[in-house]
């Protein structure tokens, strides 16, 4: 029983600490979240376009290489 009581006390203390730390947290505003989301989406789209171009170039190059040395 003593171990169970000690674990319960530690859990309660942990939850109090969590609540205390969350009160210190500064949360982003709605505008900051929107702006950050837009930046991330634009960056992902740029990366996707870049990878698409690289893929097409490499695919075309490999096809020409196989045609040149194949058969």
Protein backbone atom coordinates (compact mmCIF):
# COMPACT_ATOMS: atom_id res chain seq x y z
CA UNK A 1 0.00 0.00 0.00
CA UNK A 2 2.85 2.36 0.79
CA UNK A 3 4.19 2.03 -2.79
CA UNK A 4 0.78 2.81 -4.27
CA UNK A 5 0.44 5.92 -2.11
CA UNK A 6 3.92 7.08 -3.14
CA UNK A 7 3.12 6.58 -6.84
CA UNK A 8 -0.15 8.50 -6.46
CA UNK A 9 1.70 11.36 -4.74
CA UNK A 10 4.31 11.46 -7.51
CA UNK A 11 1.57 11.50 -10.16
CA UNK A 12 -0.24 14.40 -8.49
CA UNK A 13 3.04 16.30 -8.16
CA UNK A 14 3.84 15.66 -11.81
CA UNK A 15 0.44 16.94 -12.94
CA UNK A 16 0.86 20.09 -10.82
CA UNK A 17 4.24 20.68 -12.44
CA UNK A 18 2.73 20.21 -15.89
CA UNK A 19 -0.01 22.71 -15.14
CA UNK A 20 2.55 25.19 -13.81
CA UNK A 21 4.70 24.87 -16.94
CA UNK A 22 1.69 25.25 -19.24
CA UNK A 23 0.81 28.51 -17.53
CA UNK A 24 4.29 29.83 -18.41
CA UNK A 25 3.84 28.94 -22.06
CA UNK A 26 3.16 31.69 -24.58
CA UNK A 27 0.82 30.45 -27.28
CA UNK A 28 0.97 31.80 -30.84
CA UNK A 29 -1.80 34.05 -32.05
CA UNK A 30 -4.22 32.96 -34.73
CA UNK A 31 -2.43 35.24 -37.23
CA UNK A 32 0.98 33.74 -36.39
CA UNK A 33 -0.35 30.22 -36.86
CA UNK A 34 -1.92 31.14 -40.21
CA UNK A 35 1.25 32.84 -41.45
CA UNK A 36 3.46 29.95 -40.39
CA UNK A 37 1.11 27.48 -42.04
CA UNK A 38 1.21 29.44 -45.29
CA UNK A 39 5.02 29.47 -45.22
CA UNK A 40 5.13 25.71 -44.66
CA UNK A 41 2.62 24.96 -47.44
CA UNK A 42 4.47 27.20 -49.92
CA UNK A 43 7.80 25.62 -49.00
CA UNK A 44 6.39 22.10 -49.44
CA UNK A 45 4.96 23.06 -52.85
CA UNK A 46 8.32 24.47 -53.96
CA UNK A 47 10.11 21.32 -52.81
CA UNK A 48 7.55 19.13 -54.59
CA UNK A 49 7.95 21.10 -57.82
CA UNK A 50 11.74 20.85 -57.58
CA UNK A 51 11.62 17.09 -57.00
CA UNK A 52 9.16 16.69 -59.89
CA UNK A 53 11.53 18.53 -62.25
CA UNK A 54 14.52 16.49 -61.06
CA UNK A 55 12.51 13.28 -61.51
CA UNK A 56 11.45 14.18 -65.05
CA UNK A 57 15.01 15.16 -66.02
CA UNK A 58 16.49 11.96 -64.60
CA UNK A 59 13.77 9.81 -66.15
CA UNK A 60 14.27 11.39 -69.56
CA UNK A 61 18.03 11.00 -69.29
CA UNK A 62 17.78 7.37 -68.29
CA UNK A 63 15.34 6.61 -71.13
CA UNK A 64 17.72 8.19 -73.67
CA UNK A 65 20.64 6.30 -72.16
CA UNK A 66 18.83 2.96 -72.36
CA UNK A 67 17.72 3.65 -75.94
CA UNK A 68 21.29 4.54 -76.94
CA UNK A 69 22.92 1.48 -75.40
CA UNK A 70 20.01 -0.95 -75.42
CA UNK A 71 19.44 -3.60 -78.07
